[in-house]
Amino acid sequence: MAASFKPLSDVLGAEVLGIDLHRPIADNDAAALRQALLDYHVLLVRQPDVTDREHMTFCETFGDIQAERTVPDAESGQVAGMMHVSNVRDDGILPNGEMWFHSDQCYFDTPCKCTSLYGIKTPKSGGFTRFSNCIAAYNDLPAATKARLDGLVGMNVYDYASPNMNKKTADRTPDAPQYAQPVIRSHTETGAKSIYVNRLMTDSILDIDEAESRTILEDLFTRIEDERYVYEHPWQPGDLVIWDNRCLVHARTDFDSAEPRLLRRFSVTGEKPA
């Protein structure tokens, strides 16, 4: 049975049908998965008891596994590139609470191509992952705004303490990872343009007036957070999700921290945005 795809929403996402992650992925299915990621940006496979290695093998369909660069001490010592997003493991990252929209690793010169999570334990409610289609958000911009944004560069900073969260550049943690990226990014494979800033990590637009930078960024943050462009995924155990980090931002809703939440994570190596 060949892989097929059932849309999850009008704006992005598809459930993958017809593949078994306990078995090797056939070449024709691998090609279909890669094309579907370009078409839908988020893919969901519902399958219980997917092992670490099976999850990794699925991600390798889309490229090489990215070694952890931000918190390398949290990476598994048994499976390269594997981490856990969890409030029940000592090595778990991002344990609790709401998270603003962001793009993974935008503070490095080569952000990851894809991120993938597998639900092992999920709370009864909340802790959902929200995805926004930044291609669609860009396409709806007025022509004059697109022209103004062309060539602008934004500084992205990994600093979850108050400086970056409150956008106080002068108070930023001195050694926080940071990198300047284009405000509008062209997709490496399709050429589609998308908004490439986010509320959590984009600190400022370089080489323009600070007040104008704040105005532009707030307008773009508000746009990509608009519900017209968003699909919200309510996690269940056995859900494997992979998304295209080159054209989406994602966020997390709040949940009861007394409830266990455990997801396995892999990332796929990317390239320098342009």
C-alpha atoms as a PDB file:
ATOM      1  CA  MET A   1       0.000   0.000   0.000  1.00  0.00           C
ATOM      2  CA  ALA A   2       1.535   3.305  -1.094  1.00  0.00           C
ATOM      3  CA  ALA A   3       1.698   6.363   1.135  1.00  0.00           C
ATOM      4  CA  SER A   4      -1.244   8.752   0.847  1.00  0.00           C
ATOM      5  CA  PHE A   5      -2.002  12.061   2.532  1.00  0.00           C
ATOM      6  CA  LYS A   6      -5.121  13.407   4.236  1.00  0.00           C
ATOM      7  CA  PRO A   7      -5.145  17.199   4.867  1.00  0.00           C
ATOM      8  CA  LEU A   8      -5.339  18.271   8.508  1.00  0.00           C
ATOM      9  CA  SER A   9      -6.542  21.804   7.758  1.00  0.00           C
ATOM     10  CA  ASP A  10      -7.086  24.199   4.890  1.00  0.00           C
ATOM     11  CA  VAL A  11      -3.841  26.059   5.521  1.00  0.00           C
ATOM     12  CA  LEU A  12      -1.256  23.362   6.285  1.00  0.00           C
ATOM     13  CA  GLY A  13      -0.654  19.818   7.485  1.00  0.00           C
ATOM     14  CA  ALA A  14      -1.494  16.284   6.344  1.00  0.00           C
ATOM     15  CA  GLU A  15      -1.856  12.921   8.027  1.00  0.00           C
ATOM     16  CA  VAL A  16       0.236  10.206   6.372  1.00  0.00           C
ATOM     17  CA  LEU A  17      -1.591   6.984   5.630  1.00  0.00           C
ATOM     18  CA  GLY A  18      -0.309   3.702   4.254  1.00  0.00           C
ATOM     19  CA  ILE A  19       3.159   3.503   5.837  1.00  0.00           C
ATOM     20  CA  ASP A  20       4.415   1.350   8.688  1.00  0.00           C
ATOM     21  CA  LEU A  21       7.306   2.868  10.621  1.00  0.00           C
ATOM     22  CA  HIS A  22       8.227  -0.557  12.007  1.00  0.00           C
ATOM     23  CA  ARG A  23       9.322  -1.502   8.473  1.00  0.00           C
ATOM     24  CA  PRO A  24      11.844   0.061   6.062  1.00  0.00           C
ATOM     25  CA  ILE A  25      10.350   2.914   4.041  1.00  0.00           C
ATOM     26  CA  ALA A  26      10.196   2.067   0.333  1.00  0.00           C
ATOM     27  CA  ASP A  27      11.932   4.420  -2.087  1.00  0.00           C
ATOM     28  CA  ASN A  28       8.666   5.511  -3.724  1.00  0.00           C
ATOM     29  CA  ASP A  29       7.150   6.261  -0.318  1.00  0.00           C
ATOM     30  CA  ALA A  30      10.251   8.205   0.738  1.00  0.00           C
ATOM     31  CA  ALA A  31       9.987  10.357  -2.376  1.00  0.00           C
ATOM     32  CA  ALA A  32       6.276  10.904  -1.736  1.00  0.00           C
ATOM     33  CA  LEU A  33       6.987  11.938   1.859  1.00  0.00           C
ATOM     34  CA  ARG A  34       9.573  14.486   0.789  1.00  0.00           C
ATOM     35  CA  GLN A  35       7.189  15.998  -1.749  1.00  0.00           C
ATOM     36  CA  ALA A  36       4.353  16.013   0.783  1.00  0.00           C
ATOM     37  CA  LEU A  37       6.476  17.956   3.249  1.00  0.00           C
ATOM     38  CA  LEU A  38       6.944  20.628   0.577  1.00  0.00           C
ATOM     39  CA  ASP A  39       3.216  20.608  -0.209  1.00  0.00           C
ATOM     40  CA  TYR A  40       1.764  20.463   3.320  1.00  0.00           C
ATOM     41  CA  HIS A  41       4.692  21.662   5.524  1.00  0.00           C
ATOM     42  CA  VAL A  42       3.582  19.420   8.453  1.00  0.00           C
ATOM     43  CA  LEU A  43       3.199  15.641   8.310  1.00  0.00           C
ATOM     44  CA  LEU A  44       1.552  13.480  10.983  1.00  0.00           C
ATOM     45  CA  VAL A  45       1.958   9.721  11.341  1.00  0.00           C
ATOM     46  CA  ARG A  46      -0.169   8.017  13.979  1.00  0.00           C
ATOM     47  CA  GLN A  47       1.562   4.831  15.103  1.00  0.00           C
ATOM     48  CA  PRO A  48       2.085   3.447  18.613  1.00  0.00           C
ATOM     49  CA  ASP A  49       5.360   2.096  19.985  1.00  0.00           C
ATOM     50  CA  VAL A  50       7.688   3.743  17.473  1.00  0.00           C
ATOM     51  CA  THR A  51      11.216   3.162  18.775  1.00  0.00           C
ATOM     52  CA  ASP A  52      14.051   5.681  18.985  1.00  0.00           C
ATOM     53  CA  ARG A  53      15.744   4.151  15.956  1.00  0.00           C
ATOM     54  CA  GLU A  54      12.533   3.948  13.919  1.00  0.00           C
ATOM     55  CA  HIS A  55      11.849   7.605  14.623  1.00  0.00           C
ATOM     56  CA  MET A  56      15.412   8.495  13.600  1.00  0.00           C
ATOM     57  CA  THR A  57      15.157   6.428  10.408  1.00  0.00           C
ATOM     58  CA  PHE A  58      11.935   8.219   9.452  1.00  0.00           C
ATOM     59  CA  CYS A  59      13.634  11.611   9.940  1.00  0.00           C
ATOM     60  CA  GLU A  60      16.598  10.489   7.824  1.00  0.00           C
ATOM     61  CA  THR A  61      14.165  10.256   4.909  1.00  0.00           C
ATOM     62  CA  PHE A  62      14.427  14.063   4.826  1.00  0.00           C
ATOM     63  CA  GLY A  63      18.173  14.492   5.435  1.00  0.00           C
ATOM     64  CA  ASP A  64      20.964  14.015   7.953  1.00  0.00           C
ATOM     65  CA  ILE A  65      20.231  14.117  11.665  1.00  0.00           C
ATOM     66  CA  GLN A  66      21.370  17.383  13.278  1.00  0.00           C
ATOM     67  CA  ALA A  67      23.570  17.000  16.365  1.00  0.00           C
ATOM     68  CA  GLU A  68      22.306  19.140  19.227  1.00  0.00           C
ATOM     69  CA  ARG A  69      24.013  22.551  19.339  1.00  0.00           C
ATOM     70  CA  THR A  70      21.976  24.624  21.793  1.00  0.00           C
ATOM     71  CA  VAL A  71      21.947  22.324  24.840  1.00  0.00           C
ATOM     72  CA  PRO A  72      24.361  19.519  23.900  1.00  0.00           C
ATOM     73  CA  ASP A  73      24.322  18.063  27.415  1.00  0.00           C
ATOM     74  CA  ALA A  74      20.670  17.129  26.888  1.00  0.00           C
ATOM     75  CA  GLU A  75      21.401  15.000  23.819  1.00  0.00           C
ATOM     76  CA  SER A  76      21.096  11.239  24.250  1.00  0.00           C
ATOM     77  CA  GLY A  77      24.300   9.326  24.775  1.00  0.00           C
ATOM     78  CA  GLN A  78      22.818   6.309  22.957  1.00  0.00           C
ATOM     79  CA  VAL A  79      21.172   7.817  19.861  1.00  0.00           C
ATOM     80  CA  ALA A  80      22.881  10.728  18.124  1.00  0.00           C
ATOM     81  CA  GLY A  81      20.753  13.854  17.850  1.00  0.00           C
ATOM     82  CA  MET A  82      17.932  12.552  20.057  1.00  0.00           C
ATOM     83  CA  MET A  83      16.515  14.696  22.844  1.00  0.00           C
ATOM     84  CA  HIS A  84      13.370  14.783  24.950  1.00  0.00           C
ATOM     85  CA  VAL A  85      10.963  17.643  25.504  1.00  0.00           C
ATOM     86  CA  SER A  86       9.672  16.722  28.921  1.00  0.00           C
ATOM     87  CA  ASN A  87       8.764  17.663  32.473  1.00  0.00           C
ATOM     88  CA  VAL A  88       9.337  14.110  33.774  1.00  0.00           C
ATOM     89  CA  ARG A  89      12.949  13.470  32.725  1.00  0.00           C
ATOM     90  CA  ASP A  90      16.018  15.018  34.308  1.00  0.00           C
ATOM     91  CA  ASP A  91      17.468  15.624  30.831  1.00  0.00           C
ATOM     92  CA  GLY A  92      14.208  16.950  29.404  1.00  0.00           C
ATOM     93  CA  ILE A  93      14.201  20.392  27.812  1.00  0.00           C
ATOM     94  CA  LEU A  94      11.452  23.055  27.751  1.00  0.00           C
ATOM     95  CA  PRO A  95       9.500  21.276  30.481  1.00  0.00           C
ATOM     96  CA  ASN A  96       6.445  23.433  31.163  1.00  0.00           C
ATOM     97  CA  GLY A  97       4.350  26.373  30.140  1.00  0.00           C
ATOM     98  CA  GLU A  98       3.292  28.270  27.059  1.00  0.00           C
ATOM     99  CA  MET A  99       5.863  29.104  24.376  1.00  0.00           C
ATOM    100  CA  TRP A 100       5.577  31.927  21.866  1.00  0.00           C
ATOM    101  CA  PHE A 101       5.845  31.317  18.151  1.00  0.00           C
ATOM    102  CA  HIS A 102       9.407  30.697  17.002  1.00  0.00           C
ATOM    103  CA  SER A 103      11.562  29.027  14.355  1.00  0.00           C
ATOM    104  CA  ASP A 104      14.007  26.392  15.591  1.00  0.00           C
ATOM    105  CA  GLN A 105      17.692  27.344  15.555  1.00  0.00           C
ATOM    106  CA  CYS A 106      17.193  30.655  13.724  1.00  0.00           C
ATOM    107  CA  TYR A 107      20.000  31.962  15.956  1.00  0.00           C
ATOM    108  CA  PHE A 108      22.568  29.761  14.114  1.00  0.00           C
ATOM    109  CA  ASP A 109      23.963  30.379  10.631  1.00  0.00           C
ATOM    110  CA  THR A 110      22.376  27.124   9.420  1.00  0.00           C
ATOM    111  CA  PRO A 111      19.029  26.509  11.164  1.00  0.00           C
ATOM    112  CA  CYS A 112      17.636  23.006  10.999  1.00  0.00           C
ATOM    113  CA  LYS A 113      15.609  21.964   7.956  1.00  0.00           C
ATOM    114  CA  CYS A 114      12.988  20.004   9.885  1.00  0.00           C
ATOM    115  CA  THR A 115      12.057  19.239  13.470  1.00  0.00           C
ATOM    116  CA  SER A 116      10.210  16.096  14.520  1.00  0.00           C
ATOM    117  CA  LEU A 117       8.460  15.155  17.760  1.00  0.00           C
ATOM    118  CA  TYR A 118       6.962  11.840  18.869  1.00  0.00           C
ATOM    119  CA  GLY A 119       4.352  11.779  21.621  1.00  0.00           C
ATOM    120  CA  ILE A 120       5.132   9.301  24.405  1.00  0.00           C
ATOM    121  CA  LYS A 121       3.163  10.833  27.293  1.00  0.00           C
ATOM    122  CA  THR A 122       0.770  13.715  26.734  1.00  0.00           C
ATOM    123  CA  PRO A 123      -1.385  15.738  29.165  1.00  0.00           C
ATOM    124  CA  LYS A 124      -5.164  15.359  29.146  1.00  0.00           C
ATOM    125  CA  SER A 125      -5.502  18.863  27.769  1.00  0.00           C
ATOM    126  CA  GLY A 126      -3.197  21.626  26.604  1.00  0.00           C
ATOM    127  CA  GLY A 127       0.424  21.356  25.590  1.00  0.00           C
ATOM    128  CA  PHE A 128      -0.714  21.552  21.963  1.00  0.00           C
ATOM    129  CA  THR A 129       1.716  22.570  19.223  1.00  0.00           C
ATOM    130  CA  ARG A 130       0.549  25.405  16.971  1.00  0.00           C
ATOM    131  CA  PHE A 131       1.999  25.845  13.491  1.00  0.00           C
ATOM    132  CA  SER A 132       1.746  28.938  11.288  1.00  0.00           C
ATOM    133  CA  ASN A 133       2.207  28.968   7.518  1.00  0.00           C
ATOM    134  CA  CYS A 134       4.616  31.863   6.933  1.00  0.00           C
ATOM    135  CA  ILE A 135       4.430  31.454   3.139  1.00  0.00           C
ATOM    136  CA  ALA A 136       0.695  32.136   3.180  1.00  0.00           C
ATOM    137  CA  ALA A 137       1.218  35.025   5.593  1.00  0.00           C
ATOM    138  CA  TYR A 138       3.816  36.554   3.260  1.00  0.00           C
ATOM    139  CA  ASN A 139       1.675  36.066   0.148  1.00  0.00           C
ATOM    140  CA  ASP A 140      -1.119  38.133   1.725  1.00  0.00           C
ATOM    141  CA  LEU A 141       1.126  41.131   2.420  1.00  0.00           C
ATOM    142  CA  PRO A 142       0.508  44.299   0.385  1.00  0.00           C
ATOM    143  CA  ALA A 143       2.967  44.809  -2.467  1.00  0.00           C
ATOM    144  CA  ALA A 144       4.369  47.964  -0.845  1.00  0.00           C
ATOM    145  CA  THR A 145       5.102  46.068   2.372  1.00  0.00           C
ATOM    146  CA  LYS A 146       6.851  43.286   0.463  1.00  0.00           C
ATOM    147  CA  ALA A 147       9.025  45.889  -1.247  1.00  0.00           C
ATOM    148  CA  ARG A 148       9.913  47.516   2.108  1.00  0.00           C
ATOM    149  CA  LEU A 149      10.873  44.171   3.660  1.00  0.00           C
ATOM    150  CA  ASP A 150      13.037  43.068   0.747  1.00  0.00           C
ATOM    151  CA  GLY A 151      16.675  42.915   1.849  1.00  0.00           C
ATOM    152  CA  LEU A 152      16.042  43.613   5.553  1.00  0.00           C
ATOM    153  CA  VAL A 153      17.940  41.514   8.099  1.00  0.00           C
ATOM    154  CA  GLY A 154      16.798  40.623  11.620  1.00  0.00           C
ATOM    155  CA  MET A 155      18.887  39.613  14.633  1.00  0.00           C
ATOM    156  CA  ASN A 156      17.687  36.377  16.249  1.00  0.00           C
ATOM    157  CA  VAL A 157      18.784  35.531  19.775  1.00  0.00           C
ATOM    158  CA  TYR A 158      18.408  32.398  21.900  1.00  0.00           C
ATOM    159  CA  ASP A 159      17.837  33.906  25.329  1.00  0.00           C
ATOM    160  CA  TYR A 160      14.789  32.761  27.291  1.00  0.00           C
ATOM    161  CA  ALA A 161      15.609  35.090  30.185  1.00  0.00           C
ATOM    162  CA  SER A 162      13.959  38.499  30.312  1.00  0.00           C
ATOM    163  CA  PRO A 163      16.280  40.371  27.903  1.00  0.00           C
ATOM    164  CA  ASN A 164      15.225  38.707  24.671  1.00  0.00           C
ATOM    165  CA  MET A 165      11.682  37.961  25.800  1.00  0.00           C
ATOM    166  CA  ASN A 166      11.184  41.674  26.510  1.00  0.00           C
ATOM    167  CA  LYS A 167      13.279  42.784  23.533  1.00  0.00           C
ATOM    168  CA  LYS A 168      15.722  44.823  25.652  1.00  0.00           C
ATOM    169  CA  THR A 169      18.801  44.480  23.497  1.00  0.00           C
ATOM    170  CA  ALA A 170      21.080  46.283  25.925  1.00  0.00           C
ATOM    171  CA  ASP A 171      20.269  43.764  28.676  1.00  0.00           C
ATOM    172  CA  ARG A 172      20.836  40.695  26.527  1.00  0.00           C
ATOM    173  CA  THR A 173      22.884  37.843  27.981  1.00  0.00           C
ATOM    174  CA  PRO A 174      26.360  38.501  26.493  1.00  0.00           C
ATOM    175  CA  ASP A 175      27.109  34.965  25.308  1.00  0.00           C
ATOM    176  CA  ALA A 176      23.589  34.098  24.099  1.00  0.00           C
ATOM    177  CA  PRO A 177      23.668  32.379  20.675  1.00  0.00           C
ATOM    178  CA  GLN A 178      22.627  34.877  18.005  1.00  0.00           C
ATOM    179  CA  TYR A 179      22.645  35.250  14.243  1.00  0.00           C
ATOM    180  CA  ALA A 180      21.287  37.729  11.709  1.00  0.00           C
ATOM    181  CA  GLN A 181      18.856  36.245   9.177  1.00  0.00           C
ATOM    182  CA  PRO A 182      16.812  37.682   6.295  1.00  0.00           C
ATOM    183  CA  VAL A 183      13.428  39.007   7.394  1.00  0.00           C
ATOM    184  CA  ILE A 184      11.969  37.393   4.266  1.00  0.00           C
ATOM    185  CA  ARG A 185      13.412  33.972   3.418  1.00  0.00           C
ATOM    186  CA  SER A 186      13.251  32.062   0.133  1.00  0.00           C
ATOM    187  CA  HIS A 187      12.590  28.348   0.510  1.00  0.00           C
ATOM    188  CA  THR A 188      15.659  26.345  -0.476  1.00  0.00           C
ATOM    189  CA  GLU A 189      13.735  23.811  -2.570  1.00  0.00           C
ATOM    190  CA  THR A 190      10.640  25.601  -3.835  1.00  0.00           C
ATOM    191  CA  GLY A 191      11.794  29.224  -3.924  1.00  0.00           C
ATOM    192  CA  ALA A 192       8.615  30.322  -2.131  1.00  0.00           C
ATOM    193  CA  LYS A 193       9.087  33.400   0.043  1.00  0.00           C
ATOM    194  CA  SER A 194       8.049  33.410   3.685  1.00  0.00           C
ATOM    195  CA  ILE A 195       8.227  35.681   6.715  1.00  0.00           C
ATOM    196  CA  TYR A 196      11.254  34.658   8.767  1.00  0.00           C
ATOM    197  CA  VAL A 197      10.942  36.512  12.074  1.00  0.00           C
ATOM    198  CA  ASN A 198       9.295  35.391  15.295  1.00  0.00           C
ATOM    199  CA  ARG A 199       8.156  36.902  18.582  1.00  0.00           C
ATOM    200  CA  LEU A 200      10.277  34.682  20.821  1.00  0.00           C
ATOM    201  CA  MET A 201      13.685  35.156  19.232  1.00  0.00           C
ATOM    202  CA  THR A 202      13.805  38.044  16.745  1.00  0.00           C
ATOM    203  CA  ASP A 203      15.284  40.950  18.673  1.00  0.00           C
ATOM    204  CA  SER A 204      15.493  43.737  16.094  1.00  0.00           C
ATOM    205  CA  ILE A 205      15.884  44.607  12.427  1.00  0.00           C
ATOM    206  CA  LEU A 206      19.393  45.838  11.737  1.00  0.00           C
ATOM    207  CA  ASP A 207      20.409  49.140  10.176  1.00  0.00           C
ATOM    208  CA  ILE A 208      17.060  50.900  10.453  1.00  0.00           C
ATOM    209  CA  ASP A 209      15.539  53.181  13.080  1.00  0.00           C
ATOM    210  CA  GLU A 210      14.691  51.349  16.310  1.00  0.00           C
ATOM    211  CA  ALA A 211      11.108  52.616  16.364  1.00  0.00           C
ATOM    212  CA  GLU A 212      10.539  51.486  12.782  1.00  0.00           C
ATOM    213  CA  SER A 213      12.115  48.113  13.606  1.00  0.00           C
ATOM    214  CA  ARG A 214       9.686  47.612  16.487  1.00  0.00           C
ATOM    215  CA  THR A 215       6.710  48.626  14.343  1.00  0.00           C
ATOM    216  CA  ILE A 216       7.641  46.317  11.467  1.00  0.00           C
ATOM    217  CA  LEU A 217       8.339  43.374  13.751  1.00  0.00           C
ATOM    218  CA  GLU A 218       5.125  43.767  15.739  1.00  0.00           C
ATOM    219  CA  ASP A 219       3.125  43.896  12.519  1.00  0.00           C
ATOM    220  CA  LEU A 220       4.838  40.730  11.247  1.00  0.00           C
ATOM    221  CA  PHE A 221       4.491  38.916  14.581  1.00  0.00           C
ATOM    222  CA  THR A 222       0.785  39.721  14.645  1.00  0.00           C
ATOM    223  CA  ARG A 223       0.365  38.577  11.052  1.00  0.00           C
ATOM    224  CA  ILE A 224       1.995  35.148  11.436  1.00  0.00           C
ATOM    225  CA  GLU A 225       0.030  34.581  14.668  1.00  0.00           C
ATOM    226  CA  ASP A 226      -3.264  35.227  12.873  1.00  0.00           C
ATOM    227  CA  GLU A 227      -5.571  32.209  13.111  1.00  0.00           C
ATOM    228  CA  ARG A 228      -6.024  32.236   9.318  1.00  0.00           C
ATOM    229  CA  TYR A 229      -2.555  30.753   8.973  1.00  0.00           C
ATOM    230  CA  VAL A 230      -2.515  28.429  12.001  1.00  0.00           C
ATOM    231  CA  TYR A 231      -3.074  24.705  12.526  1.00  0.00           C
ATOM    232  CA  GLU A 232      -3.128  23.532  16.154  1.00  0.00           C
ATOM    233  CA  HIS A 233      -2.139  19.931  16.877  1.00  0.00           C
ATOM    234  CA  PRO A 234      -3.610  18.269  19.997  1.00  0.00           C
ATOM    235  CA  TRP A 235      -1.083  15.596  20.937  1.00  0.00           C
ATOM    236  CA  GLN A 236      -1.937  11.965  21.569  1.00  0.00           C
ATOM    237  CA  PRO A 237       0.512   9.185  22.483  1.00  0.00           C
ATOM    238  CA  GLY A 238       1.788   7.631  19.260  1.00  0.00           C
ATOM    239  CA  ASP A 239       1.684  10.840  17.222  1.00  0.00           C
ATOM    240  CA  LEU A 240       4.814  11.462  15.155  1.00  0.00           C
ATOM    241  CA  VAL A 241       4.949  14.948  13.640  1.00  0.00           C
ATOM    242  CA  ILE A 242       7.613  16.426  11.383  1.00  0.00           C
ATOM    243  CA  TRP A 243       7.526  19.998  10.076  1.00  0.00           C
ATOM    244  CA  ASP A 244       9.391  22.198   7.625  1.00  0.00           C
ATOM    245  CA  ASN A 245      11.292  24.687   9.775  1.00  0.00           C
ATOM    246  CA  ARG A 246      12.142  26.774   6.704  1.00  0.00           C
ATOM    247  CA  CYS A 247       8.639  28.143   6.197  1.00  0.00           C
ATOM    248  CA  LEU A 248       6.756  27.627   9.478  1.00  0.00           C
ATOM    249  CA  VAL A 249       6.883  28.959  13.008  1.00  0.00           C
ATOM    250  CA  HIS A 250       5.484  26.967  15.900  1.00  0.00           C
ATOM    251  CA  ALA A 251       4.295  27.602  19.450  1.00  0.00           C
ATOM    252  CA  ARG A 252       3.032  25.665  22.466  1.00  0.00           C
ATOM    253  CA  THR A 253      -0.101  26.186  24.521  1.00  0.00           C
ATOM    254  CA  ASP A 254      -0.029  26.029  28.300  1.00  0.00           C
ATOM    255  CA  PHE A 255      -0.859  22.855  30.230  1.00  0.00           C
ATOM    256  CA  ASP A 256      -1.084  21.574  33.792  1.00  0.00           C
ATOM    257  CA  SER A 257       2.519  21.081  34.916  1.00  0.00           C
ATOM    258  CA  ALA A 258       1.376  18.355  37.309  1.00  0.00           C
ATOM    259  CA  GLU A 259       0.567  16.174  34.303  1.00  0.00           C
ATOM    260  CA  PRO A 260       3.419  14.273  32.614  1.00  0.00           C
ATOM    261  CA  ARG A 261       4.463  15.381  29.150  1.00  0.00           C
ATOM    262  CA  LEU A 262       7.159  13.463  27.267  1.00  0.00           C
ATOM    263  CA  LEU A 263       8.010  13.858  23.582  1.00  0.00           C
ATOM    264  CA  ARG A 264      11.050  12.574  21.708  1.00  0.00           C
ATOM    265  CA  ARG A 265      12.772  15.045  19.377  1.00  0.00           C
ATOM    266  CA  PHE A 266      15.051  14.863  16.341  1.00  0.00           C
ATOM    267  CA  SER A 267      16.135  17.632  13.973  1.00  0.00           C
ATOM    268  CA  VAL A 268      17.321  17.423  10.375  1.00  0.00           C
ATOM    269  CA  THR A 269      20.349  19.429   9.209  1.00  0.00           C
ATOM    270  CA  GLY A 270      19.523  22.542   7.221  1.00  0.00           C
ATOM    271  CA  GLU A 271      21.255  25.206   5.169  1.00  0.00           C
ATOM    272  CA  LYS A 272      21.943  28.919   5.384  1.00  0.00           C
ATOM    273  CA  PRO A 273      18.778  30.967   4.719  1.00  0.00           C
ATOM    274  CA  ALA A 274      18.706  33.386   1.810  1.00  0.00           C
END
